[in-house]
N, C-alpha and C. Protein backbone atom coordinates (compact mmCIF):
# COMPACT_ATOMS: atom_id res chain seq x y z
N UNK A 1 -5.74 11.73 7.40
CA UNK A 1 -6.94 11.39 6.66
C UNK A 1 -7.83 10.47 7.48
N UNK A 2 -9.10 10.83 7.67
CA UNK A 2 -10.04 10.00 8.41
C UNK A 2 -10.59 8.94 7.47
N UNK A 3 -10.41 7.68 7.84
CA UNK A 3 -10.82 6.57 6.98
C UNK A 3 -12.18 6.02 7.36
N UNK A 4 -12.42 5.85 8.68
CA UNK A 4 -13.68 5.27 9.13
C UNK A 4 -13.45 3.87 9.66
N UNK A 5 -14.54 3.17 10.03
CA UNK A 5 -14.41 1.83 10.61
C UNK A 5 -13.83 0.83 9.62
N UNK A 6 -12.64 0.31 9.93
CA UNK A 6 -11.92 -0.53 8.98
C UNK A 6 -12.62 -1.86 8.69
N UNK A 7 -13.17 -2.48 9.73
CA UNK A 7 -13.82 -3.77 9.52
C UNK A 7 -15.02 -3.63 8.59
N UNK A 8 -15.75 -2.54 8.76
CA UNK A 8 -16.92 -2.29 7.91
C UNK A 8 -16.48 -2.08 6.46
N UNK A 9 -15.38 -1.35 6.27
CA UNK A 9 -14.87 -1.10 4.93
C UNK A 9 -14.39 -2.40 4.30
N UNK A 10 -13.73 -3.25 5.08
CA UNK A 10 -13.24 -4.53 4.57
C UNK A 10 -14.38 -5.44 4.14
N UNK A 11 -15.49 -5.40 4.87
CA UNK A 11 -16.64 -6.23 4.51
C UNK A 11 -17.21 -5.81 3.16
N UNK A 12 -17.05 -4.53 2.86
CA UNK A 12 -17.59 -4.02 1.59
C UNK A 12 -16.60 -4.16 0.44
N UNK A 13 -15.30 -3.92 0.72
CA UNK A 13 -14.30 -3.87 -0.35
C UNK A 13 -13.38 -5.08 -0.40
N UNK A 14 -13.32 -5.85 0.67
CA UNK A 14 -12.43 -7.01 0.69
C UNK A 14 -11.36 -6.87 1.76
N UNK A 15 -10.90 -8.00 2.27
CA UNK A 15 -9.95 -7.99 3.39
C UNK A 15 -8.57 -7.46 3.03
N UNK A 16 -8.24 -7.39 1.74
CA UNK A 16 -6.90 -6.95 1.33
C UNK A 16 -6.68 -5.45 1.50
N UNK A 17 -7.75 -4.71 1.76
CA UNK A 17 -7.61 -3.26 1.87
C UNK A 17 -6.76 -2.88 3.09
N UNK A 18 -7.00 -3.53 4.21
CA UNK A 18 -6.26 -3.22 5.43
C UNK A 18 -5.66 -4.49 6.02
N UNK A 19 -4.45 -4.37 6.53
CA UNK A 19 -3.78 -5.52 7.14
C UNK A 19 -4.56 -6.02 8.36
N UNK A 20 -5.27 -5.11 9.02
CA UNK A 20 -6.04 -5.45 10.22
C UNK A 20 -7.08 -6.52 9.93
N UNK A 21 -7.55 -6.57 8.70
CA UNK A 21 -8.61 -7.51 8.33
C UNK A 21 -8.07 -8.85 7.82
N UNK A 22 -6.77 -8.94 7.66
CA UNK A 22 -6.19 -10.15 7.09
C UNK A 22 -5.87 -11.17 8.18
N UNK A 23 -6.93 -11.56 8.91
CA UNK A 23 -6.78 -12.54 9.98
C UNK A 23 -7.76 -13.68 9.75
N UNK A 24 -7.49 -14.79 10.38
CA UNK A 24 -8.36 -15.96 10.25
C UNK A 24 -9.74 -15.67 10.84
N UNK A 25 -9.76 -14.95 11.95
CA UNK A 25 -11.02 -14.62 12.61
C UNK A 25 -11.92 -13.79 11.71
N UNK A 26 -11.32 -12.79 11.04
CA UNK A 26 -12.12 -11.94 10.14
C UNK A 26 -12.64 -12.75 8.95
N UNK A 27 -11.80 -13.64 8.42
CA UNK A 27 -12.18 -14.48 7.29
C UNK A 27 -13.36 -15.38 7.64
N UNK A 28 -13.31 -15.98 8.81
CA UNK A 28 -14.40 -16.87 9.24
C UNK A 28 -15.69 -16.09 9.47
N UNK A 29 -15.55 -14.89 10.06
CA UNK A 29 -16.73 -14.05 10.30
C UNK A 29 -17.37 -13.63 8.98
N UNK A 30 -16.55 -13.29 7.99
CA UNK A 30 -17.05 -12.89 6.67
C UNK A 30 -17.80 -14.04 5.99
N UNK A 31 -17.27 -15.25 6.14
CA UNK A 31 -17.91 -16.42 5.54
C UNK A 31 -19.28 -16.68 6.16
N UNK A 32 -19.38 -16.49 7.47
CA UNK A 32 -20.67 -16.68 8.15
C UNK A 32 -21.68 -15.66 7.67
N UNK A 33 -21.22 -14.42 7.50
CA UNK A 33 -22.11 -13.35 7.03
C UNK A 33 -22.58 -13.64 5.62
N UNK A 34 -21.67 -14.11 4.76
CA UNK A 34 -22.00 -14.40 3.36
C UNK A 34 -23.05 -15.50 3.24
N UNK A 35 -22.98 -16.49 4.12
CA UNK A 35 -23.93 -17.61 4.03
C UNK A 35 -25.32 -17.23 4.52
N UNK A 36 -25.41 -16.19 5.35
CA UNK A 36 -26.72 -15.78 5.87
C UNK A 36 -27.38 -14.70 5.01
N UNK A 37 -26.61 -14.06 4.15
CA UNK A 37 -27.16 -13.01 3.29
C UNK A 37 -27.84 -13.59 2.07
N UNK A 38 -28.87 -12.92 1.61
CA UNK A 38 -29.53 -13.32 0.36
C UNK A 38 -28.65 -12.92 -0.81
N UNK A 39 -28.76 -13.66 -1.86
CA UNK A 39 -27.96 -13.38 -3.04
C UNK A 39 -28.38 -12.05 -3.66
N UNK A 40 -27.43 -11.18 -3.87
CA UNK A 40 -27.73 -9.87 -4.45
C UNK A 40 -27.57 -9.90 -5.96
N UNK A 41 -28.30 -9.00 -6.60
CA UNK A 41 -28.14 -8.87 -8.05
C UNK A 41 -26.79 -8.25 -8.35
N UNK A 42 -26.26 -8.56 -9.52
CA UNK A 42 -24.97 -7.99 -9.92
C UNK A 42 -25.07 -6.47 -9.98
N UNK A 43 -24.06 -5.78 -9.47
CA UNK A 43 -24.08 -4.33 -9.47
C UNK A 43 -23.80 -3.76 -10.85
N UNK A 44 -23.97 -2.45 -10.98
CA UNK A 44 -23.73 -1.79 -12.25
C UNK A 44 -22.23 -1.68 -12.50
N UNK A 45 -21.87 -1.35 -13.75
CA UNK A 45 -20.46 -1.15 -14.08
C UNK A 45 -19.87 -0.01 -13.24
N UNK A 46 -20.67 1.04 -13.06
CA UNK A 46 -20.20 2.18 -12.28
C UNK A 46 -19.89 1.76 -10.84
N UNK A 47 -20.77 0.97 -10.26
CA UNK A 47 -20.57 0.52 -8.89
C UNK A 47 -19.30 -0.33 -8.77
N UNK A 48 -19.08 -1.20 -9.76
CA UNK A 48 -17.88 -2.04 -9.77
C UNK A 48 -16.63 -1.18 -9.87
N UNK A 49 -16.66 -0.18 -10.76
CA UNK A 49 -15.51 0.70 -10.93
C UNK A 49 -15.24 1.51 -9.66
N UNK A 50 -16.30 1.99 -9.03
CA UNK A 50 -16.18 2.77 -7.80
C UNK A 50 -15.56 1.94 -6.68
N UNK A 51 -16.00 0.70 -6.55
CA UNK A 51 -15.47 -0.18 -5.50
C UNK A 51 -13.98 -0.46 -5.70
N UNK A 52 -13.59 -0.70 -6.95
CA UNK A 52 -12.18 -0.97 -7.23
C UNK A 52 -11.32 0.26 -6.97
N UNK A 53 -11.86 1.42 -7.33
CA UNK A 53 -11.13 2.67 -7.09
C UNK A 53 -10.96 2.91 -5.59
N UNK A 54 -12.03 2.71 -4.83
CA UNK A 54 -11.97 2.91 -3.40
C UNK A 54 -11.03 1.91 -2.73
N UNK A 55 -11.04 0.69 -3.24
CA UNK A 55 -10.18 -0.35 -2.69
C UNK A 55 -8.70 0.04 -2.81
N UNK A 56 -8.31 0.49 -3.99
CA UNK A 56 -6.91 0.85 -4.22
C UNK A 56 -6.53 2.12 -3.48
N UNK A 57 -7.43 3.10 -3.47
CA UNK A 57 -7.16 4.37 -2.79
C UNK A 57 -6.96 4.17 -1.29
N UNK A 58 -7.85 3.40 -0.69
CA UNK A 58 -7.78 3.19 0.76
C UNK A 58 -6.61 2.29 1.14
N UNK A 59 -6.27 1.36 0.25
CA UNK A 59 -5.14 0.47 0.52
C UNK A 59 -3.86 1.28 0.76
N UNK A 60 -3.69 2.35 -0.05
CA UNK A 60 -2.50 3.19 0.09
C UNK A 60 -2.74 4.41 0.98
N UNK A 61 -3.95 4.54 1.51
CA UNK A 61 -4.24 5.61 2.45
C UNK A 61 -4.19 7.00 1.85
N UNK A 62 -4.71 7.16 0.63
CA UNK A 62 -4.64 8.45 -0.05
C UNK A 62 -5.99 9.15 -0.07
N UNK A 63 -5.94 10.47 -0.11
CA UNK A 63 -7.17 11.23 -0.29
C UNK A 63 -7.59 11.12 -1.75
N UNK A 64 -8.82 11.48 -2.04
CA UNK A 64 -9.30 11.42 -3.42
C UNK A 64 -8.46 12.32 -4.33
N UNK A 65 -8.09 13.50 -3.83
CA UNK A 65 -7.30 14.44 -4.61
C UNK A 65 -5.93 13.85 -4.94
N UNK A 66 -5.29 13.24 -3.95
CA UNK A 66 -3.97 12.63 -4.16
C UNK A 66 -4.06 11.47 -5.16
N UNK A 67 -5.05 10.62 -4.94
CA UNK A 67 -5.15 9.43 -5.78
C UNK A 67 -5.49 9.79 -7.23
N UNK A 68 -6.41 10.72 -7.43
CA UNK A 68 -6.78 11.10 -8.79
C UNK A 68 -5.60 11.73 -9.53
N UNK A 69 -4.71 12.39 -8.79
CA UNK A 69 -3.51 12.97 -9.42
C UNK A 69 -2.59 11.85 -9.91
N UNK A 70 -2.45 10.79 -9.13
CA UNK A 70 -1.65 9.63 -9.55
C UNK A 70 -2.25 8.99 -10.81
N UNK A 71 -3.57 8.85 -10.81
CA UNK A 71 -4.24 8.23 -11.96
C UNK A 71 -4.08 9.10 -13.21
N UNK A 72 -4.25 10.40 -13.06
CA UNK A 72 -4.10 11.32 -14.19
C UNK A 72 -2.70 11.23 -14.78
N UNK A 73 -1.70 11.18 -13.90
CA UNK A 73 -0.31 11.08 -14.35
C UNK A 73 -0.08 9.77 -15.10
N UNK A 74 -0.69 8.69 -14.62
CA UNK A 74 -0.53 7.38 -15.26
C UNK A 74 -1.17 7.38 -16.65
N UNK A 75 -2.33 8.00 -16.76
CA UNK A 75 -3.04 8.05 -18.05
C UNK A 75 -2.29 8.90 -19.07
N UNK A 76 -1.57 9.90 -18.60
CA UNK A 76 -0.85 10.80 -19.50
C UNK A 76 0.60 10.39 -19.72
N UNK A 77 1.01 9.28 -19.11
CA UNK A 77 2.42 8.88 -19.16
C UNK A 77 2.86 8.32 -20.51
N UNK A 78 1.90 7.81 -21.29
CA UNK A 78 2.25 7.18 -22.56
C UNK A 78 2.73 5.75 -22.37
N UNK A 79 2.72 5.27 -21.13
CA UNK A 79 3.11 3.90 -20.81
C UNK A 79 1.87 3.08 -20.47
N UNK A 80 2.10 1.83 -20.09
CA UNK A 80 1.00 1.02 -19.59
C UNK A 80 0.48 1.70 -18.31
N UNK A 81 -0.77 2.20 -18.32
CA UNK A 81 -1.26 2.96 -17.16
C UNK A 81 -1.22 2.18 -15.85
N UNK A 82 -1.59 0.89 -15.89
CA UNK A 82 -1.61 0.07 -14.67
C UNK A 82 -0.20 -0.07 -14.10
N UNK A 83 0.77 -0.37 -14.97
CA UNK A 83 2.15 -0.53 -14.53
C UNK A 83 2.70 0.78 -13.98
N UNK A 84 2.37 1.89 -14.65
CA UNK A 84 2.86 3.21 -14.22
C UNK A 84 2.27 3.58 -12.87
N UNK A 85 0.97 3.36 -12.70
CA UNK A 85 0.31 3.70 -11.44
C UNK A 85 0.86 2.85 -10.31
N UNK A 86 1.01 1.56 -10.56
CA UNK A 86 1.53 0.67 -9.53
C UNK A 86 2.94 1.08 -9.11
N UNK A 87 3.78 1.39 -10.08
CA UNK A 87 5.16 1.79 -9.79
C UNK A 87 5.20 3.09 -8.98
N UNK A 88 4.33 4.02 -9.33
CA UNK A 88 4.29 5.30 -8.62
C UNK A 88 3.85 5.12 -7.17
N UNK A 89 2.84 4.29 -6.96
CA UNK A 89 2.35 4.05 -5.60
C UNK A 89 3.37 3.29 -4.76
N UNK A 90 4.03 2.32 -5.38
CA UNK A 90 5.00 1.51 -4.65
C UNK A 90 6.34 2.21 -4.44
N UNK A 91 6.58 3.30 -5.17
CA UNK A 91 7.83 4.06 -5.02
C UNK A 91 7.73 5.13 -3.94
N UNK A 92 6.56 5.29 -3.35
CA UNK A 92 6.40 6.24 -2.26
C UNK A 92 7.25 5.80 -1.06
N UNK A 93 7.74 6.76 -0.30
CA UNK A 93 8.57 6.44 0.85
C UNK A 93 7.85 5.55 1.85
N UNK A 94 6.56 5.83 2.10
CA UNK A 94 5.83 5.00 3.07
C UNK A 94 5.65 3.58 2.55
N UNK A 95 5.45 3.42 1.24
CA UNK A 95 5.30 2.08 0.67
C UNK A 95 6.60 1.30 0.77
N UNK A 96 7.72 1.98 0.53
CA UNK A 96 9.03 1.31 0.62
C UNK A 96 9.29 0.85 2.06
N UNK A 97 8.99 1.71 3.02
CA UNK A 97 9.19 1.35 4.43
C UNK A 97 8.35 0.14 4.82
N UNK A 98 7.12 0.11 4.32
CA UNK A 98 6.23 -1.02 4.60
C UNK A 98 6.76 -2.30 3.96
N UNK A 99 7.17 -2.21 2.70
CA UNK A 99 7.66 -3.39 1.98
C UNK A 99 8.98 -3.91 2.56
N UNK A 100 9.78 -3.02 3.16
CA UNK A 100 11.04 -3.44 3.78
C UNK A 100 10.81 -4.11 5.13
N UNK A 101 9.58 -4.06 5.61
CA UNK A 101 9.25 -4.71 6.87
C UNK A 101 9.60 -3.92 8.11
N UNK A 102 9.81 -2.60 7.96
CA UNK A 102 10.12 -1.78 9.12
C UNK A 102 8.95 -1.77 10.10
N UNK A 103 7.73 -1.83 9.54
CA UNK A 103 6.50 -1.92 10.33
C UNK A 103 5.56 -2.89 9.63
N UNK A 104 4.45 -3.23 10.27
CA UNK A 104 3.57 -4.27 9.73
C UNK A 104 2.36 -3.75 8.96
N UNK A 105 2.11 -2.44 8.99
CA UNK A 105 0.97 -1.89 8.25
C UNK A 105 1.39 -0.65 7.47
N UNK A 106 0.63 -0.36 6.44
CA UNK A 106 0.91 0.84 5.64
C UNK A 106 0.64 2.11 6.45
N UNK A 107 -0.37 2.06 7.29
CA UNK A 107 -0.68 3.23 8.11
C UNK A 107 0.50 3.56 9.04
N UNK A 108 1.08 2.52 9.62
CA UNK A 108 2.24 2.73 10.51
C UNK A 108 3.43 3.26 9.73
N UNK A 109 3.57 2.82 8.47
CA UNK A 109 4.70 3.30 7.66
C UNK A 109 4.53 4.78 7.32
N UNK A 110 3.30 5.24 7.14
CA UNK A 110 3.06 6.67 6.90
C UNK A 110 3.45 7.48 8.14
N UNK A 111 3.14 6.92 9.31
CA UNK A 111 3.50 7.62 10.55
C UNK A 111 5.02 7.68 10.73
N UNK A 112 5.71 6.59 10.35
CA UNK A 112 7.17 6.59 10.41
C UNK A 112 7.74 7.76 9.62
N UNK A 113 7.24 7.89 8.39
CA UNK A 113 7.74 8.95 7.52
C UNK A 113 7.37 10.33 8.06
N UNK A 114 6.11 10.49 8.43
CA UNK A 114 5.62 11.78 8.91
C UNK A 114 6.39 12.26 10.14
N UNK A 115 6.76 11.33 11.02
CA UNK A 115 7.45 11.71 12.25
C UNK A 115 8.97 11.76 12.10
N UNK A 116 9.44 11.61 10.86
CA UNK A 116 10.87 11.79 10.61
C UNK A 116 11.76 10.64 11.05
N UNK A 117 11.21 9.42 11.11
CA UNK A 117 12.01 8.27 11.53
C UNK A 117 12.81 7.66 10.38
N UNK A 118 12.61 8.16 9.16
CA UNK A 118 13.25 7.56 7.99
C UNK A 118 14.22 8.52 7.31
N UNK A 119 15.22 7.93 6.66
CA UNK A 119 16.14 8.73 5.85
C UNK A 119 16.21 8.13 4.45
N UNK A 120 16.51 8.97 3.48
CA UNK A 120 16.75 8.54 2.10
C UNK A 120 18.12 9.05 1.71
N UNK A 121 19.03 8.13 1.43
CA UNK A 121 20.42 8.48 1.13
C UNK A 121 21.04 9.34 2.24
N UNK A 122 20.68 8.99 3.49
CA UNK A 122 21.25 9.67 4.65
C UNK A 122 20.55 10.95 5.05
N UNK A 123 19.59 11.40 4.26
CA UNK A 123 18.88 12.65 4.56
C UNK A 123 17.53 12.35 5.21
N UNK A 124 17.29 12.95 6.34
CA UNK A 124 16.02 12.74 7.05
C UNK A 124 14.88 13.38 6.28
N UNK A 125 13.78 12.62 6.11
CA UNK A 125 12.61 13.12 5.39
C UNK A 125 11.36 12.89 6.23
N UNK A 126 10.37 13.76 6.05
CA UNK A 126 9.11 13.58 6.77
C UNK A 126 7.91 13.70 5.82
N UNK A 127 8.13 13.30 4.57
CA UNK A 127 7.08 13.36 3.55
C UNK A 127 6.78 11.94 3.05
N UNK A 128 5.66 11.33 3.48
CA UNK A 128 5.34 9.95 3.08
C UNK A 128 5.27 9.74 1.58
N UNK A 129 4.88 10.78 0.84
CA UNK A 129 4.71 10.64 -0.61
C UNK A 129 6.01 10.85 -1.39
N UNK A 130 7.12 11.09 -0.71
CA UNK A 130 8.40 11.30 -1.40
C UNK A 130 8.67 10.15 -2.36
N UNK A 131 9.04 10.47 -3.60
CA UNK A 131 9.31 9.45 -4.61
C UNK A 131 10.73 8.91 -4.45
N UNK A 132 10.82 7.63 -4.16
CA UNK A 132 12.12 6.97 -4.03
C UNK A 132 12.55 6.47 -5.40
N UNK A 133 13.78 6.73 -5.78
CA UNK A 133 14.30 6.34 -7.09
C UNK A 133 15.22 5.12 -6.99
N UNK A 134 15.43 4.48 -8.13
CA UNK A 134 16.31 3.31 -8.16
C UNK A 134 17.70 3.69 -7.64
N UNK A 135 18.25 2.85 -6.80
CA UNK A 135 19.56 3.02 -6.13
C UNK A 135 19.48 3.87 -4.87
N UNK A 136 18.33 4.44 -4.57
CA UNK A 136 18.18 5.19 -3.32
C UNK A 136 18.18 4.22 -2.14
N UNK A 137 18.79 4.64 -1.06
CA UNK A 137 18.86 3.83 0.16
C UNK A 137 17.91 4.41 1.20
N UNK A 138 16.97 3.60 1.64
CA UNK A 138 16.00 4.00 2.66
C UNK A 138 16.37 3.31 3.97
N UNK A 139 16.47 4.09 5.04
CA UNK A 139 16.91 3.52 6.31
C UNK A 139 16.15 4.14 7.48
N UNK A 140 16.21 3.45 8.60
CA UNK A 140 15.67 3.97 9.84
C UNK A 140 16.70 4.95 10.39
N UNK A 141 16.26 6.14 10.73
CA UNK A 141 17.17 7.18 11.23
C UNK A 141 17.89 6.68 12.48
N UNK A 142 19.18 6.95 12.56
CA UNK A 142 20.00 6.48 13.68
C UNK A 142 19.39 6.86 15.03
N UNK A 143 18.89 8.06 15.14
CA UNK A 143 18.30 8.52 16.41
C UNK A 143 16.99 7.85 16.77
N UNK A 144 16.40 7.13 15.81
CA UNK A 144 15.12 6.47 16.06
C UNK A 144 15.25 4.97 16.27
N UNK A 145 16.46 4.43 16.10
CA UNK A 145 16.65 2.98 16.15
C UNK A 145 16.24 2.36 17.48
N UNK A 146 16.35 3.12 18.56
CA UNK A 146 16.00 2.59 19.87
C UNK A 146 14.53 2.68 20.20
N UNK A 147 13.73 3.22 19.28
CA UNK A 147 12.30 3.39 19.52
C UNK A 147 11.59 2.04 19.66
N UNK A 148 10.54 2.02 20.47
CA UNK A 148 9.74 0.80 20.65
C UNK A 148 9.07 0.38 19.35
N UNK A 149 8.97 1.31 18.42
CA UNK A 149 8.37 0.99 17.11
C UNK A 149 9.11 -0.14 16.43
N UNK A 150 10.40 -0.26 16.69
CA UNK A 150 11.23 -1.23 15.98
C UNK A 150 11.62 -2.44 16.83
N UNK A 151 10.91 -2.62 17.94
CA UNK A 151 11.17 -3.79 18.78
C UNK A 151 10.79 -5.06 17.99
N UNK A 152 11.66 -6.02 17.98
CA UNK A 152 11.39 -7.27 17.25
C UNK A 152 11.46 -7.13 15.74
N UNK A 153 12.16 -6.11 15.29
CA UNK A 153 12.24 -5.83 13.85
C UNK A 153 12.81 -6.99 13.05
N UNK A 154 13.91 -7.54 13.49
CA UNK A 154 14.57 -8.63 12.75
C UNK A 154 13.68 -9.86 12.65
N UNK A 155 12.96 -10.18 13.72
CA UNK A 155 12.06 -11.34 13.70
C UNK A 155 10.91 -11.12 12.72
N UNK A 156 10.38 -9.90 12.68
CA UNK A 156 9.29 -9.59 11.75
C UNK A 156 9.76 -9.73 10.31
N UNK A 157 10.96 -9.25 10.04
CA UNK A 157 11.47 -9.29 8.67
C UNK A 157 11.75 -10.71 8.21
N UNK A 158 12.12 -11.59 9.12
CA UNK A 158 12.37 -12.99 8.76
C UNK A 158 11.10 -13.67 8.28
N UNK A 159 9.96 -13.26 8.84
CA UNK A 159 8.68 -13.86 8.49
C UNK A 159 8.07 -13.24 7.23
N UNK A 160 8.54 -12.06 6.87
CA UNK A 160 7.98 -11.34 5.71
C UNK A 160 8.67 -11.78 4.42
N UNK A 161 7.96 -11.59 3.31
CA UNK A 161 8.51 -11.89 1.99
C UNK A 161 8.89 -10.58 1.31
N UNK A 162 10.15 -10.42 0.99
CA UNK A 162 10.62 -9.18 0.37
C UNK A 162 10.30 -9.18 -1.12
N UNK A 163 9.78 -8.06 -1.61
CA UNK A 163 9.44 -7.96 -3.03
C UNK A 163 10.73 -7.87 -3.86
N UNK A 164 10.67 -8.28 -5.14
CA UNK A 164 11.88 -8.35 -5.98
C UNK A 164 12.61 -7.03 -6.21
N UNK A 165 11.89 -5.91 -6.10
CA UNK A 165 12.54 -4.63 -6.43
C UNK A 165 13.26 -4.00 -5.22
N UNK A 166 13.27 -4.69 -4.11
CA UNK A 166 13.96 -4.18 -2.93
C UNK A 166 14.96 -5.20 -2.40
N UNK A 167 16.01 -4.69 -1.77
CA UNK A 167 16.97 -5.57 -1.12
C UNK A 167 17.32 -4.98 0.24
N UNK A 168 17.45 -5.84 1.23
CA UNK A 168 17.84 -5.40 2.56
C UNK A 168 19.35 -5.53 2.73
N UNK A 169 20.01 -4.44 3.07
CA UNK A 169 21.44 -4.50 3.34
C UNK A 169 21.68 -4.74 4.83
N UNK A 170 20.67 -4.45 5.64
CA UNK A 170 20.65 -4.76 7.07
C UNK A 170 19.19 -4.70 7.49
N UNK A 171 18.89 -5.04 8.74
CA UNK A 171 17.50 -5.02 9.18
C UNK A 171 16.94 -3.60 9.20
N UNK A 172 17.82 -2.59 9.20
CA UNK A 172 17.38 -1.21 9.31
C UNK A 172 17.65 -0.39 8.05
N UNK A 173 18.02 -1.06 6.97
CA UNK A 173 18.35 -0.33 5.74
C UNK A 173 18.07 -1.18 4.52
N UNK A 174 17.51 -0.55 3.51
CA UNK A 174 17.23 -1.27 2.26
C UNK A 174 17.40 -0.37 1.06
N UNK A 175 17.52 -0.98 -0.11
CA UNK A 175 17.75 -0.23 -1.35
C UNK A 175 16.72 -0.61 -2.41
N UNK A 176 16.25 0.39 -3.15
CA UNK A 176 15.38 0.14 -4.29
C UNK A 176 16.28 -0.23 -5.47
N UNK A 177 16.29 -1.50 -5.86
CA UNK A 177 17.22 -1.96 -6.89
C UNK A 177 16.65 -1.90 -8.30
N UNK A 178 15.32 -1.78 -8.41
CA UNK A 178 14.71 -1.66 -9.74
C UNK A 178 13.32 -1.05 -9.57
N UNK A 179 12.75 -0.64 -10.66
CA UNK A 179 11.40 -0.06 -10.60
C UNK A 179 10.40 -1.14 -10.19
N UNK A 180 9.44 -0.81 -9.32
CA UNK A 180 8.43 -1.79 -8.92
C UNK A 180 7.68 -2.33 -10.13
N UNK A 181 7.55 -3.64 -10.21
CA UNK A 181 6.92 -4.29 -11.36
C UNK A 181 5.58 -4.88 -10.98
N UNK A 182 4.54 -4.46 -11.69
CA UNK A 182 3.20 -4.99 -11.46
C UNK A 182 3.14 -6.45 -11.92
N UNK A 183 2.62 -7.33 -11.08
CA UNK A 183 2.55 -8.75 -11.44
C UNK A 183 1.26 -9.38 -10.99
N UNK A 184 1.13 -10.69 -11.23
CA UNK A 184 -0.08 -11.41 -10.91
C UNK A 184 -0.39 -11.34 -9.41
N UNK A 185 0.66 -11.25 -8.59
CA UNK A 185 0.47 -11.22 -7.14
C UNK A 185 -0.21 -9.94 -6.69
N UNK A 186 -0.27 -8.96 -7.57
CA UNK A 186 -0.87 -7.67 -7.21
C UNK A 186 -2.24 -7.48 -7.85
N UNK A 187 -2.86 -8.58 -8.30
CA UNK A 187 -4.12 -8.49 -9.04
C UNK A 187 -5.35 -8.48 -8.13
N UNK A 188 -5.15 -8.14 -6.84
CA UNK A 188 -6.30 -8.07 -5.95
C UNK A 188 -7.20 -6.88 -6.30
N UNK A 189 -6.67 -5.96 -7.10
CA UNK A 189 -7.45 -4.81 -7.56
C UNK A 189 -7.50 -4.83 -9.08
N UNK A 190 -8.67 -4.55 -9.62
CA UNK A 190 -8.85 -4.47 -11.07
C UNK A 190 -8.44 -3.06 -11.52
N UNK A 191 -7.19 -2.90 -11.93
CA UNK A 191 -6.70 -1.58 -12.33
C UNK A 191 -7.48 -1.03 -13.52
N UNK A 192 -7.91 -1.92 -14.41
CA UNK A 192 -8.69 -1.48 -15.57
C UNK A 192 -9.96 -0.78 -15.14
N UNK A 193 -10.64 -1.31 -14.13
CA UNK A 193 -11.87 -0.70 -13.64
C UNK A 193 -11.60 0.67 -13.02
N UNK A 194 -10.43 0.81 -12.41
CA UNK A 194 -10.06 2.09 -11.81
C UNK A 194 -9.94 3.16 -12.89
N UNK A 195 -9.27 2.81 -14.01
CA UNK A 195 -9.11 3.77 -15.10
C UNK A 195 -10.44 4.03 -15.81
N UNK A 196 -11.29 3.02 -15.88
CA UNK A 196 -12.62 3.20 -16.47
C UNK A 196 -13.41 4.21 -15.65
N UNK A 197 -13.26 4.17 -14.34
CA UNK A 197 -13.99 5.10 -13.47
C UNK A 197 -13.61 6.54 -13.78
N UNK A 198 -12.31 6.77 -13.95
CA UNK A 198 -11.84 8.14 -14.18
C UNK A 198 -11.96 8.62 -15.62
N UNK A 199 -12.26 7.74 -16.54
CA UNK A 199 -12.39 8.15 -17.95
C UNK A 199 -13.82 7.98 -18.47
N UNK A 200 -14.74 7.72 -17.57
CA UNK A 200 -16.13 7.48 -18.00
C UNK A 200 -16.76 8.76 -18.53
């Protein structure tokens, strides 16, 4: 999927969309730009909903077709739509690999899955969107362990904060111990606005 210039997208949607923008340099540059710009009028509800939808879609690197399917499923689930959508997105194989600290960006985690570097319960998979279930074990494939992709893996994981629904059994293997739970720490996106966009 072609995304476009990431820095430009971050300036419009916020630095949380891409890990590349979550640096001190980008933050300082954004502050300088904000102080030189004239104050804009508040945007329309539609514009706000569109921005929130784009923010969440690009954060997980999904096409519009893929993302709208997730939203439709969440709306029809009969559960809390925000919690259902969050759990579905975070249960993807690429999301699990990213959260386990195998790599530092979501884009890199999609490449890991696509190139067959990951296994689920010992079975090699190459589908980033594969749904990982509770008790499933996600690991780096034995034949890929020597790849330069995983150089400094243990050091990276020590600096990262592991989410509550995952546990590491080793630096190269982790387990989904419970369904991903939406919390205050994930409020960088207004999920309500996303659903408003699709039900307008």
